[in-house]
N, C-alpha and C. Protein backbone atom coordinates (compact mmCIF):
# COMPACT_ATOMS: atom_id res chain seq x y z
N UNK A 1 85.38 79.66 87.62
CA UNK A 1 86.74 80.01 87.39
C UNK A 1 86.94 81.18 88.90
N UNK A 2 88.23 81.68 88.95
CA UNK A 2 88.55 83.06 89.96
C UNK A 2 88.61 83.70 88.85
N UNK A 3 88.22 84.86 89.55
CA UNK A 3 88.31 86.23 88.49
C UNK A 3 89.93 86.58 88.26
N UNK A 4 90.75 86.93 87.60
CA UNK A 4 92.21 87.41 87.74
C UNK A 4 92.30 88.55 88.45
N UNK A 5 93.79 88.27 89.03
CA UNK A 5 94.28 89.30 89.84
C UNK A 5 94.45 90.22 88.92
N UNK A 6 94.79 91.59 88.50
CA UNK A 6 95.82 92.36 87.73
C UNK A 6 95.84 93.54 88.52
N UNK A 7 97.68 94.13 88.30
CA UNK A 7 98.68 94.26 88.90
C UNK A 7 98.88 95.92 88.24
N UNK A 8 97.66 96.45 87.74
CA UNK A 8 97.20 97.92 86.80
C UNK A 8 97.94 98.85 88.43
N UNK A 9 97.15 99.16 89.28
CA UNK A 9 97.63 99.22 90.45
C UNK A 9 99.05 99.98 90.97
N UNK A 10 99.14 98.22 91.44
CA UNK A 10 100.70 98.01 91.26
C UNK A 10 102.07 98.94 90.77
N UNK A 11 101.50 97.94 89.84
CA UNK A 11 102.61 98.98 88.41
C UNK A 11 102.71 100.46 88.29
N UNK A 12 101.26 100.93 88.15
CA UNK A 12 101.34 102.73 88.10
C UNK A 12 101.80 103.23 89.12
N UNK A 13 101.73 103.12 90.09
CA UNK A 13 102.13 103.16 91.72
C UNK A 13 103.82 103.06 91.28
N UNK A 14 104.61 102.26 90.91
CA UNK A 14 105.61 101.81 91.01
C UNK A 14 106.14 102.95 89.96
N UNK A 15 105.45 103.09 88.72
CA UNK A 15 105.93 103.90 88.00
C UNK A 15 105.61 105.48 88.28
N UNK A 16 104.75 105.90 88.80
CA UNK A 16 104.21 107.66 89.36
C UNK A 16 102.88 107.68 88.59
N UNK A 17 102.34 107.12 88.24
CA UNK A 17 101.03 107.34 87.32
C UNK A 17 99.96 107.20 88.11
N UNK A 18 99.27 107.93 88.04
CA UNK A 18 97.83 108.12 89.01
C UNK A 18 97.10 107.51 87.51
N UNK A 19 95.63 106.73 88.59
CA UNK A 19 94.61 105.90 87.97
C UNK A 19 93.76 107.79 86.89
N UNK A 20 93.81 108.84 86.94
CA UNK A 20 93.34 109.75 86.40
C UNK A 20 94.55 110.23 85.56
N UNK A 21 95.58 109.80 85.58
CA UNK A 21 96.57 110.30 84.37
C UNK A 21 96.21 109.10 83.09
N UNK A 22 95.96 107.97 83.54
CA UNK A 22 95.58 106.93 82.61
C UNK A 22 94.57 107.53 82.07
N UNK A 23 93.42 107.57 82.69
CA UNK A 23 92.23 107.52 82.43
C UNK A 23 92.25 108.69 81.26
N UNK A 24 93.08 110.31 81.50
CA UNK A 24 93.27 111.15 80.37
C UNK A 24 94.09 110.74 79.55
N UNK A 25 94.69 109.76 79.56
CA UNK A 25 95.67 109.11 78.15
C UNK A 25 94.85 108.61 77.50
N UNK A 26 93.54 107.78 77.83
CA UNK A 26 92.50 107.09 77.37
C UNK A 26 91.18 107.68 76.75
N UNK A 27 91.31 108.86 77.06
CA UNK A 27 89.91 109.66 77.20
C UNK A 27 88.86 109.65 77.52
N UNK A 28 89.23 108.63 79.06
CA UNK A 28 88.07 108.21 79.36
C UNK A 28 87.69 108.96 80.96
N UNK A 29 86.78 108.72 81.85
CA UNK A 29 86.91 109.41 83.28
C UNK A 29 87.77 108.46 84.53
N UNK A 30 87.92 108.77 85.16
CA UNK A 30 88.87 107.97 86.14
C UNK A 30 87.89 106.33 86.63
N UNK A 31 86.90 106.82 86.87
CA UNK A 31 85.76 105.93 87.48
C UNK A 31 86.24 104.51 86.55
N UNK A 32 85.58 104.90 84.74
CA UNK A 32 85.35 104.06 84.26
C UNK A 32 87.14 103.11 84.02
N UNK A 33 88.30 103.72 84.04
CA UNK A 33 89.50 102.68 84.44
C UNK A 33 88.88 102.22 85.63
N UNK A 34 89.08 102.75 86.68
CA UNK A 34 89.05 102.19 87.92
C UNK A 34 87.97 100.72 88.06
N UNK A 35 86.97 101.07 87.36
CA UNK A 35 85.79 99.60 87.01
C UNK A 35 86.24 98.69 86.29
N UNK A 36 87.21 99.16 85.06
CA UNK A 36 87.76 98.27 84.34
C UNK A 36 88.65 97.36 85.23
N UNK A 37 89.80 97.96 85.78
CA UNK A 37 90.56 97.31 86.58
C UNK A 37 90.19 96.35 87.72
N UNK A 38 88.81 96.65 88.05
CA UNK A 38 88.05 95.93 89.62
C UNK A 38 87.13 94.94 89.18
N UNK A 39 86.68 95.00 87.53
CA UNK A 39 86.41 94.34 87.00
C UNK A 39 86.34 92.93 86.30
N UNK A 40 85.49 93.23 85.04
CA UNK A 40 86.04 92.29 83.99
C UNK A 40 86.37 92.99 82.45
N UNK A 41 87.65 93.68 82.25
CA UNK A 41 88.07 94.20 80.92
C UNK A 41 88.03 93.54 80.04
N UNK A 42 87.87 94.07 79.08
CA UNK A 42 87.87 93.82 77.71
C UNK A 42 89.34 93.76 77.34
N UNK A 43 89.95 92.49 76.55
CA UNK A 43 91.39 92.39 76.16
C UNK A 43 91.75 93.72 75.47
N UNK A 44 90.41 94.66 74.78
CA UNK A 44 91.50 95.88 74.09
C UNK A 44 91.27 96.90 75.00
N UNK A 45 90.77 96.98 76.26
CA UNK A 45 90.94 98.11 77.26
C UNK A 45 92.25 97.46 78.49
N UNK A 46 92.28 95.96 78.05
CA UNK A 46 93.60 95.86 79.12
C UNK A 46 94.57 96.29 78.35
N UNK A 47 94.88 96.31 76.47
CA UNK A 47 96.13 96.87 75.91
C UNK A 47 95.76 98.56 76.04
N UNK A 48 94.76 98.85 75.98
CA UNK A 48 94.72 100.01 76.12
C UNK A 48 95.85 100.92 77.26
N UNK A 49 95.33 100.11 78.76
CA UNK A 49 95.63 100.77 80.01
C UNK A 49 96.82 100.48 79.56
N UNK A 50 97.79 99.06 79.19
CA UNK A 50 99.41 98.53 79.06
C UNK A 50 99.86 99.44 78.58
N UNK A 51 99.27 99.94 77.36
CA UNK A 51 99.49 101.37 76.07
C UNK A 51 100.26 102.46 77.24
N UNK A 52 98.95 102.95 77.76
CA UNK A 52 99.18 104.05 78.97
C UNK A 52 100.03 104.04 79.75
N UNK A 53 100.33 102.48 80.27
CA UNK A 53 101.61 102.39 81.66
C UNK A 53 103.53 102.22 80.77
N UNK A 54 103.00 101.87 79.60
CA UNK A 54 104.18 101.31 79.08
C UNK A 54 104.39 99.79 79.34
N UNK A 55 103.82 99.41 79.42
CA UNK A 55 103.95 97.57 79.68
C UNK A 55 103.32 97.00 78.66
N UNK A 56 103.61 95.43 78.53
CA UNK A 56 102.95 94.74 78.07
C UNK A 56 101.66 94.10 78.77
N UNK A 57 100.78 93.83 77.67
CA UNK A 57 99.86 93.17 78.69
C UNK A 57 99.69 92.32 79.85
N UNK A 58 100.92 91.35 79.43
CA UNK A 58 100.96 90.09 80.36
C UNK A 58 101.47 90.69 81.44
N UNK A 59 101.89 91.86 81.33
CA UNK A 59 102.59 92.11 82.70
C UNK A 59 101.14 92.67 83.96
N UNK A 60 100.03 93.35 83.31
CA UNK A 60 98.98 93.51 84.02
C UNK A 60 98.61 92.03 84.84
N UNK A 61 98.62 91.23 84.40
CA UNK A 61 98.12 90.02 85.04
C UNK A 61 99.10 89.66 86.15
N UNK A 62 98.19 89.14 87.07
CA UNK A 62 99.19 88.94 88.36
C UNK A 62 99.89 87.72 88.43
N UNK A 63 101.16 87.64 89.00
CA UNK A 63 102.20 86.82 88.56
C UNK A 63 101.33 85.40 88.97
N UNK A 64 101.55 84.26 88.20
CA UNK A 64 100.95 82.61 88.52
C UNK A 64 102.03 82.26 89.64
N UNK A 65 101.12 81.74 90.60
CA UNK A 65 101.65 80.97 91.62
C UNK A 65 102.21 79.79 91.13
N UNK A 66 100.97 79.41 89.88
CA UNK A 66 100.91 77.28 89.83
C UNK A 66 101.40 77.52 87.99
N UNK A 67 102.03 78.04 87.84
CA UNK A 67 102.07 78.46 85.83
C UNK A 67 100.99 78.37 85.24
N UNK A 68 100.05 79.22 85.90
CA UNK A 68 99.05 79.17 84.93
C UNK A 68 98.30 80.99 85.01
N UNK A 69 97.56 81.14 84.40
CA UNK A 69 96.94 82.70 84.55
C UNK A 69 95.52 82.16 84.07
N UNK A 70 94.57 83.17 84.07
CA UNK A 70 93.49 83.00 83.83
C UNK A 70 92.99 84.53 82.66
N UNK A 71 93.03 83.97 81.38
CA UNK A 71 92.85 85.39 80.58
C UNK A 71 90.98 85.91 80.92
N UNK A 72 91.62 87.09 81.00
CA UNK A 72 90.75 88.50 81.82
C UNK A 72 89.50 88.21 80.86
N UNK A 73 89.79 87.90 79.35
CA UNK A 73 88.41 88.71 78.60
C UNK A 73 87.59 87.23 78.74
N UNK A 74 88.04 85.58 78.82
CA UNK A 74 87.14 84.75 78.40
C UNK A 74 87.40 83.71 79.76
N UNK A 75 87.86 83.90 80.96
CA UNK A 75 88.17 83.27 81.54
C UNK A 75 88.45 81.79 81.88
N UNK A 76 89.67 81.72 80.68
CA UNK A 76 89.79 80.52 79.94
C UNK A 76 91.36 80.07 81.18
N UNK A 77 91.63 79.45 81.72
CA UNK A 77 92.90 78.82 82.34
C UNK A 77 93.92 78.83 81.28
N UNK A 78 94.98 79.51 81.04
CA UNK A 78 95.83 79.24 80.32
C UNK A 78 97.53 78.97 80.87
N UNK A 79 97.81 77.31 80.79
CA UNK A 79 99.24 76.95 81.82
C UNK A 79 100.33 77.66 80.69
N UNK A 80 101.28 78.39 81.58
CA UNK A 80 102.29 78.74 81.01
C UNK A 80 103.70 77.73 81.00
N UNK A 81 104.60 77.60 80.54
CA UNK A 81 105.35 76.91 80.07
C UNK A 81 106.73 78.09 79.46
N UNK A 82 108.04 77.62 80.51
CA UNK A 82 109.00 78.48 79.81
C UNK A 82 110.20 77.30 79.24
N UNK A 83 110.53 78.57 78.13
CA UNK A 83 111.07 78.24 77.26
C UNK A 83 112.80 78.23 77.16
N UNK A 84 113.60 77.66 77.00
CA UNK A 84 114.59 78.30 77.31
C UNK A 84 115.03 78.99 75.79
N UNK A 85 116.28 80.32 76.05
CA UNK A 85 116.05 81.01 74.86
C UNK A 85 117.50 80.93 74.71
């Protein structure tokens, strides 16, 4: 399975938020945040990062081209379907 692509840097840049300020909010070193977004972060860490950015966890995941995403925690492929609201 492929590693999921996270949009943390893209979202942070768009909001004018630095990795350093995310790290400060989480009480960790900037290198820990960088390792999380470059590696395989836990769902808990993704939640913390999403909260620091003021977005939902789902927004951190790359937009799927094929209607699926890969869970960053367990690497399971999840098929997305649209519901009419």
